[in-house]
């Protein structure tokens, strides 16, 4: 790839900075970035509820 579009590179870097978990897919066609797909995952910890004893 001889030429890198600064706007596209900036978008890629910003997407990576904002992501904690996930993937970034960069599609290249004829030596040019044509598409960027971002899949981000949000993870939540499991909080078990305290069991209530029945009397």
N, C-alpha and C. Protein backbone atom coordinates (compact mmCIF):
# COMPACT_ATOMS: atom_id res chain seq x y z
N UNK A 1 0.86 -1.17 0.00
CA UNK A 1 0.00 0.00 0.00
C UNK A 1 0.91 1.24 0.00
N UNK A 2 0.92 1.94 -1.07
CA UNK A 2 1.84 3.06 -1.22
C UNK A 2 1.36 4.31 -0.51
N UNK A 3 0.04 4.52 -0.48
CA UNK A 3 -0.49 5.75 0.08
C UNK A 3 -1.49 5.43 1.18
N UNK A 4 -1.33 6.07 2.35
CA UNK A 4 -2.26 5.88 3.46
C UNK A 4 -3.04 7.17 3.66
N UNK A 5 -4.34 7.07 3.58
CA UNK A 5 -5.22 8.21 3.81
C UNK A 5 -5.23 8.50 5.32
N UNK A 6 -4.77 9.66 5.71
CA UNK A 6 -4.67 10.01 7.13
C UNK A 6 -6.02 9.96 7.84
N UNK A 7 -7.09 10.31 7.16
CA UNK A 7 -8.42 10.27 7.75
C UNK A 7 -8.80 8.83 8.12
N UNK A 8 -8.49 7.90 7.23
CA UNK A 8 -8.81 6.49 7.49
C UNK A 8 -7.95 5.92 8.60
N UNK A 9 -6.67 6.24 8.58
CA UNK A 9 -5.76 5.77 9.62
C UNK A 9 -6.17 6.33 10.98
N UNK A 10 -6.54 7.60 11.00
CA UNK A 10 -7.00 8.23 12.23
C UNK A 10 -8.26 7.55 12.77
N UNK A 11 -9.17 7.22 11.87
CA UNK A 11 -10.40 6.53 12.27
C UNK A 11 -10.10 5.15 12.86
N UNK A 12 -9.17 4.44 12.25
CA UNK A 12 -8.78 3.12 12.75
C UNK A 12 -8.17 3.22 14.14
N UNK A 13 -7.27 4.16 14.33
CA UNK A 13 -6.61 4.33 15.63
C UNK A 13 -7.60 4.75 16.70
N UNK A 14 -8.52 5.64 16.39
CA UNK A 14 -9.53 6.08 17.34
C UNK A 14 -10.45 4.92 17.73
N UNK A 15 -10.83 4.11 16.76
CA UNK A 15 -11.68 2.95 17.03
C UNK A 15 -10.98 1.98 17.97
N UNK A 16 -9.69 1.77 17.78
CA UNK A 16 -8.93 0.88 18.65
C UNK A 16 -8.82 1.44 20.07
N UNK A 17 -8.64 2.74 20.18
CA UNK A 17 -8.53 3.37 21.51
C UNK A 17 -9.82 3.25 22.31
N UNK A 18 -10.96 3.30 21.62
CA UNK A 18 -12.27 3.29 22.29
C UNK A 18 -12.74 1.88 22.65
N UNK A 19 -12.09 0.86 22.14
CA UNK A 19 -12.56 -0.50 22.30
C UNK A 19 -11.83 -1.23 23.42
N UNK A 20 -12.63 -1.87 24.32
CA UNK A 20 -12.03 -2.70 25.37
C UNK A 20 -11.94 -4.15 24.91
N UNK A 21 -13.03 -4.65 24.33
CA UNK A 21 -13.09 -6.01 23.81
C UNK A 21 -13.77 -5.97 22.46
N UNK A 22 -13.30 -6.72 21.51
CA UNK A 22 -13.95 -6.77 20.22
C UNK A 22 -12.97 -6.97 19.09
N UNK A 23 -13.43 -6.62 17.89
CA UNK A 23 -12.57 -6.79 16.73
C UNK A 23 -12.79 -5.65 15.74
N UNK A 24 -11.76 -5.39 14.97
CA UNK A 24 -11.79 -4.38 13.94
C UNK A 24 -11.35 -5.05 12.64
N UNK A 25 -12.21 -5.03 11.63
CA UNK A 25 -11.90 -5.66 10.35
C UNK A 25 -11.73 -4.56 9.31
N UNK A 26 -10.58 -4.57 8.66
CA UNK A 26 -10.26 -3.55 7.65
C UNK A 26 -10.27 -4.25 6.29
N UNK A 27 -11.15 -3.79 5.41
CA UNK A 27 -11.25 -4.37 4.07
C UNK A 27 -10.48 -3.50 3.09
N UNK A 28 -9.61 -4.15 2.32
CA UNK A 28 -8.78 -3.45 1.34
C UNK A 28 -9.13 -3.98 -0.05
N UNK A 29 -9.30 -3.07 -0.99
CA UNK A 29 -9.59 -3.44 -2.38
C UNK A 29 -8.76 -2.54 -3.29
N UNK A 30 -8.00 -3.16 -4.18
CA UNK A 30 -7.12 -2.42 -5.11
C UNK A 30 -6.20 -1.45 -4.37
N UNK A 31 -5.54 -1.94 -3.33
CA UNK A 31 -4.59 -1.15 -2.54
C UNK A 31 -5.21 0.03 -1.81
N UNK A 32 -6.50 -0.02 -1.53
CA UNK A 32 -7.16 1.09 -0.83
C UNK A 32 -8.11 0.53 0.23
N UNK A 33 -8.12 1.16 1.40
CA UNK A 33 -9.06 0.78 2.46
C UNK A 33 -10.45 1.20 2.00
N UNK A 34 -11.34 0.22 1.88
CA UNK A 34 -12.68 0.51 1.41
C UNK A 34 -13.74 0.40 2.49
N UNK A 35 -13.43 -0.32 3.57
CA UNK A 35 -14.44 -0.52 4.61
C UNK A 35 -13.77 -0.86 5.92
N UNK A 36 -14.38 -0.39 7.02
CA UNK A 36 -13.91 -0.71 8.36
C UNK A 36 -15.13 -1.17 9.16
N UNK A 37 -15.07 -2.40 9.67
CA UNK A 37 -16.15 -2.94 10.49
C UNK A 37 -15.66 -3.10 11.92
N UNK A 38 -16.45 -2.60 12.85
CA UNK A 38 -16.10 -2.68 14.27
C UNK A 38 -17.17 -3.49 15.00
N UNK A 39 -16.73 -4.52 15.69
CA UNK A 39 -17.61 -5.32 16.53
C UNK A 39 -17.10 -5.18 17.96
N UNK A 40 -17.90 -4.58 18.80
CA UNK A 40 -17.48 -4.35 20.17
C UNK A 40 -18.30 -5.19 21.11
N UNK A 41 -17.62 -5.75 22.10
CA UNK A 41 -18.29 -6.57 23.09
C UNK A 41 -18.29 -5.84 24.42
N UNK A 42 -19.40 -5.91 25.10
CA UNK A 42 -19.52 -5.36 26.45
C UNK A 42 -19.64 -6.54 27.40
N UNK A 43 -18.80 -6.61 28.38
CA UNK A 43 -18.82 -7.72 29.33
C UNK A 43 -19.26 -7.21 30.69
N UNK A 44 -20.14 -7.96 31.30
CA UNK A 44 -20.67 -7.62 32.61
C UNK A 44 -20.36 -8.76 33.57
N UNK A 45 -19.93 -8.41 34.77
CA UNK A 45 -19.65 -9.44 35.75
C UNK A 45 -20.97 -9.99 36.30
N UNK A 46 -20.95 -11.26 36.66
CA UNK A 46 -22.15 -11.89 37.21
C UNK A 46 -22.21 -11.63 38.71
N UNK A 47 -23.26 -11.00 39.16
CA UNK A 47 -23.46 -10.76 40.58
C UNK A 47 -24.55 -11.70 41.05
N UNK A 48 -24.17 -12.69 41.86
CA UNK A 48 -25.16 -13.63 42.36
C UNK A 48 -25.94 -12.98 43.48
N UNK A 49 -27.25 -13.14 43.42
CA UNK A 49 -28.11 -12.59 44.46
C UNK A 49 -27.98 -13.42 45.72
N UNK A 50 -28.00 -12.76 46.84
CA UNK A 50 -27.96 -13.47 48.12
C UNK A 50 -29.24 -14.26 48.28
N UNK A 51 -29.08 -15.52 48.68
CA UNK A 51 -30.26 -16.36 48.87
C UNK A 51 -30.99 -15.94 50.13
N UNK A 52 -32.30 -15.88 50.05
CA UNK A 52 -33.13 -15.52 51.18
C UNK A 52 -33.67 -16.80 51.79
N UNK A 53 -33.42 -16.97 53.08
CA UNK A 53 -33.90 -18.17 53.75
C UNK A 53 -35.37 -18.02 54.08
N UNK A 54 -36.14 -19.06 53.76
CA UNK A 54 -37.56 -19.06 54.10
C UNK A 54 -37.73 -19.70 55.47
N UNK A 55 -38.55 -19.06 56.31
CA UNK A 55 -38.77 -19.63 57.66
C UNK A 55 -40.18 -20.08 57.85
